[in-house]
């Protein structure tokens, strides 16, 4: 299957990788609700992704829009 982010800028690829990691940690936390170190890791991953998206929005808005659309992050990005 073709991924639209294969030729994306490095920042967009980093956002995609972080999104996959975030989904994996969220799935883990549904099973292990009291795993506080993983909760902390999830918060750190989400914050890192948020900062990268903020940078991408500031430097390359078209790439930002493509990334947010292709990763279905519209509801998570409140801007």
N, C-alpha and C. Protein backbone atom coordinates (compact mmCIF):
# COMPACT_ATOMS: atom_id res chain seq x y z
N UNK A 1 0.83 -1.18 0.00
CA UNK A 1 0.00 0.00 0.00
C UNK A 1 0.88 1.25 0.00
N UNK A 2 0.42 2.27 -0.67
CA UNK A 2 1.18 3.51 -0.80
C UNK A 2 0.88 4.42 0.38
N UNK A 3 1.93 4.90 1.00
CA UNK A 3 1.78 5.84 2.10
C UNK A 3 2.12 7.23 1.58
N UNK A 4 1.22 8.20 1.72
CA UNK A 4 1.49 9.54 1.19
C UNK A 4 2.64 10.24 1.89
N UNK A 5 3.11 9.71 3.03
CA UNK A 5 4.18 10.37 3.77
C UNK A 5 5.57 9.86 3.39
N UNK A 6 5.67 8.96 2.40
CA UNK A 6 6.99 8.43 2.05
C UNK A 6 7.89 9.50 1.46
N UNK A 7 7.32 10.46 0.75
CA UNK A 7 8.13 11.54 0.19
C UNK A 7 7.90 12.85 0.93
N UNK A 8 7.39 12.75 2.14
CA UNK A 8 7.11 13.95 2.93
C UNK A 8 8.40 14.47 3.57
N UNK A 9 8.38 15.70 4.03
CA UNK A 9 9.55 16.24 4.74
C UNK A 9 9.84 15.43 6.01
N UNK A 10 11.08 15.48 6.50
CA UNK A 10 11.44 14.70 7.69
C UNK A 10 10.55 14.98 8.90
N UNK A 11 10.13 16.22 9.07
CA UNK A 11 9.27 16.55 10.21
C UNK A 11 7.93 15.83 10.10
N UNK A 12 7.37 15.78 8.90
CA UNK A 12 6.09 15.09 8.70
C UNK A 12 6.24 13.60 8.96
N UNK A 13 7.38 13.03 8.54
CA UNK A 13 7.61 11.61 8.81
C UNK A 13 7.74 11.35 10.30
N UNK A 14 8.41 12.26 11.01
CA UNK A 14 8.54 12.12 12.46
C UNK A 14 7.17 12.16 13.14
N UNK A 15 6.30 13.03 12.65
CA UNK A 15 4.94 13.11 13.20
C UNK A 15 4.21 11.79 12.96
N UNK A 16 4.40 11.21 11.78
CA UNK A 16 3.74 9.93 11.47
C UNK A 16 4.25 8.82 12.38
N UNK A 17 5.55 8.78 12.61
CA UNK A 17 6.13 7.76 13.49
C UNK A 17 5.62 7.94 14.92
N UNK A 18 5.58 9.18 15.38
CA UNK A 18 5.07 9.45 16.73
C UNK A 18 3.60 9.06 16.85
N UNK A 19 2.84 9.28 15.79
CA UNK A 19 1.42 8.93 15.82
C UNK A 19 1.23 7.42 16.00
N UNK A 20 2.05 6.64 15.31
CA UNK A 20 1.97 5.17 15.46
C UNK A 20 2.35 4.77 16.88
N UNK A 21 3.40 5.38 17.43
CA UNK A 21 3.80 5.07 18.80
C UNK A 21 2.70 5.44 19.79
N UNK A 22 2.08 6.60 19.57
CA UNK A 22 1.00 7.05 20.46
C UNK A 22 -0.16 6.06 20.43
N UNK A 23 -0.52 5.60 19.23
CA UNK A 23 -1.61 4.62 19.12
C UNK A 23 -1.27 3.33 19.86
N UNK A 24 -0.02 2.90 19.77
CA UNK A 24 0.39 1.67 20.46
C UNK A 24 0.33 1.84 21.97
N UNK A 25 0.79 2.98 22.48
CA UNK A 25 0.75 3.21 23.93
C UNK A 25 -0.69 3.33 24.40
N UNK A 26 -1.54 3.98 23.61
CA UNK A 26 -2.96 4.08 24.00
C UNK A 26 -3.60 2.70 24.08
N UNK A 27 -3.28 1.83 23.13
CA UNK A 27 -3.83 0.47 23.17
C UNK A 27 -3.32 -0.27 24.41
N UNK A 28 -2.05 -0.08 24.75
CA UNK A 28 -1.49 -0.70 25.95
C UNK A 28 -2.19 -0.19 27.21
N UNK A 29 -2.47 1.11 27.25
CA UNK A 29 -3.07 1.69 28.44
C UNK A 29 -4.55 1.30 28.61
N UNK A 30 -5.19 0.88 27.52
CA UNK A 30 -6.56 0.39 27.67
C UNK A 30 -6.57 -0.92 28.46
N UNK A 31 -5.52 -1.72 28.29
CA UNK A 31 -5.39 -2.98 29.03
C UNK A 31 -4.83 -2.75 30.43
N UNK A 32 -3.87 -1.82 30.55
CA UNK A 32 -3.14 -1.60 31.80
C UNK A 32 -3.37 -0.16 32.26
N UNK A 33 -4.52 0.06 32.86
CA UNK A 33 -4.97 1.41 33.19
C UNK A 33 -4.06 2.08 34.22
N UNK A 34 -3.49 1.30 35.14
CA UNK A 34 -2.71 1.88 36.24
C UNK A 34 -1.22 2.00 35.93
N UNK A 35 -0.84 1.81 34.70
CA UNK A 35 0.57 1.88 34.31
C UNK A 35 0.99 3.34 34.15
N UNK A 36 1.34 3.95 35.29
CA UNK A 36 1.64 5.39 35.28
C UNK A 36 2.89 5.76 34.49
N UNK A 37 3.97 4.98 34.50
CA UNK A 37 5.11 5.34 33.66
C UNK A 37 4.75 5.40 32.17
N UNK A 38 3.87 4.52 31.73
CA UNK A 38 3.44 4.56 30.33
C UNK A 38 2.55 5.77 30.06
N UNK A 39 1.75 6.16 31.05
CA UNK A 39 0.94 7.37 30.89
C UNK A 39 1.84 8.58 30.70
N UNK A 40 2.90 8.63 31.50
CA UNK A 40 3.85 9.73 31.38
C UNK A 40 4.51 9.72 30.00
N UNK A 41 4.88 8.53 29.54
CA UNK A 41 5.47 8.41 28.22
C UNK A 41 4.51 8.86 27.13
N UNK A 42 3.23 8.54 27.30
CA UNK A 42 2.23 8.96 26.34
C UNK A 42 2.12 10.48 26.30
N UNK A 43 2.10 11.11 27.45
CA UNK A 43 2.03 12.57 27.51
C UNK A 43 3.24 13.18 26.82
N UNK A 44 4.42 12.60 27.06
CA UNK A 44 5.63 13.12 26.44
C UNK A 44 5.59 12.97 24.92
N UNK A 45 5.09 11.83 24.43
CA UNK A 45 4.98 11.61 22.98
C UNK A 45 3.99 12.59 22.36
N UNK A 46 2.84 12.79 23.02
CA UNK A 46 1.83 13.70 22.49
C UNK A 46 2.38 15.12 22.44
N UNK A 47 3.11 15.52 23.49
CA UNK A 47 3.68 16.87 23.51
C UNK A 47 4.74 17.04 22.43
N UNK A 48 5.55 16.01 22.21
CA UNK A 48 6.57 16.09 21.16
C UNK A 48 5.92 16.22 19.79
N UNK A 49 4.84 15.44 19.57
CA UNK A 49 4.13 15.53 18.29
C UNK A 49 3.49 16.90 18.12
N UNK A 50 2.93 17.44 19.21
CA UNK A 50 2.31 18.75 19.15
C UNK A 50 3.33 19.82 18.77
N UNK A 51 4.53 19.74 19.36
CA UNK A 51 5.57 20.71 19.05
C UNK A 51 6.02 20.59 17.59
N UNK A 52 6.18 19.34 17.11
CA UNK A 52 6.58 19.15 15.72
C UNK A 52 5.51 19.69 14.76
N UNK A 53 4.24 19.46 15.08
CA UNK A 53 3.17 19.98 14.24
C UNK A 53 3.15 21.50 14.25
N UNK A 54 3.42 22.09 15.40
CA UNK A 54 3.47 23.54 15.50
C UNK A 54 4.60 24.09 14.62
N UNK A 55 5.75 23.43 14.66
CA UNK A 55 6.89 23.84 13.83
C UNK A 55 6.55 23.67 12.34
N UNK A 56 5.95 22.54 12.00
CA UNK A 56 5.60 22.28 10.60
C UNK A 56 4.59 23.30 10.10
N UNK A 57 3.63 23.66 10.95
CA UNK A 57 2.63 24.66 10.57
C UNK A 57 3.27 26.01 10.29
N UNK A 58 4.28 26.35 11.10
CA UNK A 58 4.95 27.64 10.96
C UNK A 58 5.85 27.68 9.72
N UNK A 59 6.51 26.55 9.38
CA UNK A 59 7.51 26.57 8.32
C UNK A 59 6.97 26.13 6.96
N UNK A 60 6.07 25.14 6.95
CA UNK A 60 5.58 24.59 5.68
C UNK A 60 4.11 24.23 5.85
N UNK A 61 3.25 25.22 5.67
CA UNK A 61 1.83 25.03 5.99
C UNK A 61 1.17 23.97 5.11
N UNK A 62 1.52 23.90 3.82
CA UNK A 62 0.93 22.89 2.94
C UNK A 62 1.26 21.48 3.42
N UNK A 63 2.50 21.27 3.81
CA UNK A 63 2.91 19.97 4.33
C UNK A 63 2.19 19.67 5.64
N UNK A 64 2.00 20.68 6.46
CA UNK A 64 1.26 20.52 7.71
C UNK A 64 -0.16 20.04 7.43
N UNK A 65 -0.84 20.69 6.49
CA UNK A 65 -2.22 20.31 6.18
C UNK A 65 -2.30 18.90 5.62
N UNK A 66 -1.36 18.54 4.73
CA UNK A 66 -1.34 17.18 4.18
C UNK A 66 -1.11 16.15 5.28
N UNK A 67 -0.19 16.45 6.19
CA UNK A 67 0.13 15.52 7.27
C UNK A 67 -1.06 15.33 8.20
N UNK A 68 -1.68 16.43 8.61
CA UNK A 68 -2.84 16.34 9.52
C UNK A 68 -3.98 15.57 8.85
N UNK A 69 -4.20 15.83 7.57
CA UNK A 69 -5.28 15.15 6.86
C UNK A 69 -4.98 13.66 6.70
N UNK A 70 -3.76 13.32 6.29
CA UNK A 70 -3.45 11.91 6.01
C UNK A 70 -3.39 11.08 7.29
N UNK A 71 -3.10 11.71 8.44
CA UNK A 71 -3.05 10.97 9.70
C UNK A 71 -4.34 11.07 10.49
N UNK A 72 -5.35 11.73 9.93
CA UNK A 72 -6.64 11.92 10.60
C UNK A 72 -6.48 12.56 11.97
N UNK A 73 -5.73 13.65 12.04
CA UNK A 73 -5.50 14.34 13.30
C UNK A 73 -6.36 15.59 13.44
N UNK A 74 -7.34 15.78 12.57
CA UNK A 74 -8.13 17.01 12.59
C UNK A 74 -8.79 17.23 13.95
N UNK A 75 -9.33 16.17 14.54
CA UNK A 75 -10.05 16.35 15.80
C UNK A 75 -9.09 16.56 16.96
N UNK A 76 -7.82 16.13 16.81
CA UNK A 76 -6.85 16.30 17.90
C UNK A 76 -6.17 17.66 17.82
N UNK A 77 -6.08 18.22 16.61
CA UNK A 77 -5.45 19.52 16.44
C UNK A 77 -6.53 20.57 16.55
N UNK A 78 -6.48 21.39 17.57
CA UNK A 78 -7.53 22.38 17.82
C UNK A 78 -7.07 23.75 17.35
N UNK A 79 -6.94 23.93 16.03
CA UNK A 79 -6.52 25.23 15.50
C UNK A 79 -7.22 25.50 14.20
